[in-house]
Amino acid sequence: MGKAKKRSFHLGINDRVSNLSREDAVKIVASELVNGAEDVYGLITLFGLSAEELLEAGASYEAVMGIRGLLK
């Protein structure tokens, strides 16, 4: 991959996160935890999400307890 394409790719990733609100992050994390995805750890640590927020958004208790080390 060339330098320009690599820069464009990384700019797209950063733009997506900069436009993401806390409520949107909680919804994304809760839905991904239900599906069993593990790529939400970055959002959890970035926003400093709590277990209560995730449980209220619909994440299962077992999934939240599985990642309790990352949560406040």
Protein backbone atom coordinates (compact mmCIF):
# COMPACT_ATOMS: atom_id res chain seq x y z
CA MET A 1 0.00 0.00 0.00
CA GLY A 2 1.37 3.40 -0.95
CA LYS A 3 1.91 6.29 1.43
CA ALA A 4 -1.03 8.35 0.16
CA LYS A 5 -3.48 5.45 0.39
CA LYS A 6 -2.22 4.57 3.86
CA ARG A 7 -2.71 8.19 5.01
CA SER A 8 -6.21 8.32 3.53
CA PHE A 9 -7.11 5.05 5.21
CA HIS A 10 -5.94 6.28 8.61
CA LEU A 11 -7.69 9.63 8.20
CA GLY A 12 -10.95 7.80 7.58
CA ILE A 13 -10.56 5.78 10.75
CA ASN A 14 -9.76 8.85 12.83
CA ASP A 15 -12.66 10.86 11.39
CA ARG A 16 -15.11 8.11 12.34
CA VAL A 17 -14.01 8.14 15.97
CA SER A 18 -13.90 11.93 16.26
CA ASN A 19 -17.57 12.15 15.24
CA LEU A 20 -18.68 9.46 17.66
CA SER A 21 -20.67 10.55 20.71
CA ARG A 22 -20.60 8.80 24.06
CA GLU A 23 -24.17 7.53 23.64
CA ASP A 24 -23.33 6.10 20.23
CA ALA A 25 -20.25 4.39 21.67
CA VAL A 26 -22.33 2.80 24.44
CA LYS A 27 -24.86 1.50 21.89
CA ILE A 28 -22.13 0.11 19.64
CA VAL A 29 -20.32 -1.60 22.50
CA ALA A 30 -23.53 -3.10 23.93
CA SER A 31 -24.62 -4.48 20.57
CA GLU A 32 -21.17 -5.87 19.78
CA LEU A 33 -20.94 -7.54 23.20
CA VAL A 34 -24.23 -9.28 22.51
CA ASN A 35 -22.75 -10.57 19.24
CA GLY A 36 -19.55 -11.68 20.97
CA ALA A 37 -17.16 -9.28 19.23
CA GLU A 38 -13.86 -8.47 20.90
CA ASP A 39 -12.90 -5.39 18.89
CA VAL A 40 -14.79 -2.98 21.16
CA TYR A 41 -12.10 -2.81 23.84
CA GLY A 42 -10.69 0.36 22.30
CA LEU A 43 -14.05 2.15 22.58
CA ILE A 44 -14.49 1.02 26.17
CA THR A 45 -11.14 2.41 27.25
CA LEU A 46 -11.40 5.52 25.06
CA PHE A 47 -14.69 6.66 26.58
CA GLY A 48 -14.17 5.13 30.04
CA LEU A 49 -17.49 3.32 29.96
CA SER A 50 -19.03 1.87 33.10
CA ALA A 51 -20.77 -1.45 33.61
CA GLU A 52 -24.01 0.33 34.48
CA GLU A 53 -24.07 2.19 31.15
CA LEU A 54 -23.55 -1.00 29.18
CA LEU A 55 -26.19 -2.92 31.11
CA GLU A 56 -28.72 -0.14 30.59
CA ALA A 57 -27.94 -0.16 26.86
CA GLY A 58 -28.80 -3.87 26.62
CA ALA A 59 -25.56 -5.78 27.08
CA SER A 60 -25.86 -9.09 28.90
CA TYR A 61 -24.64 -9.37 32.47
CA GLU A 62 -22.27 -12.23 31.57
CA ALA A 63 -20.63 -10.23 28.78
CA VAL A 64 -20.15 -7.21 31.03
CA MET A 65 -18.66 -9.32 33.82
CA GLY A 66 -16.32 -10.89 31.27
CA ILE A 67 -14.75 -7.49 30.56
CA ARG A 68 -15.00 -6.02 34.06
CA GLY A 69 -11.25 -5.38 34.11
CA LEU A 70 -11.70 -2.72 31.41
CA LEU A 71 -14.67 -1.00 33.02
CA LYS A 72 -14.80 1.68 35.68
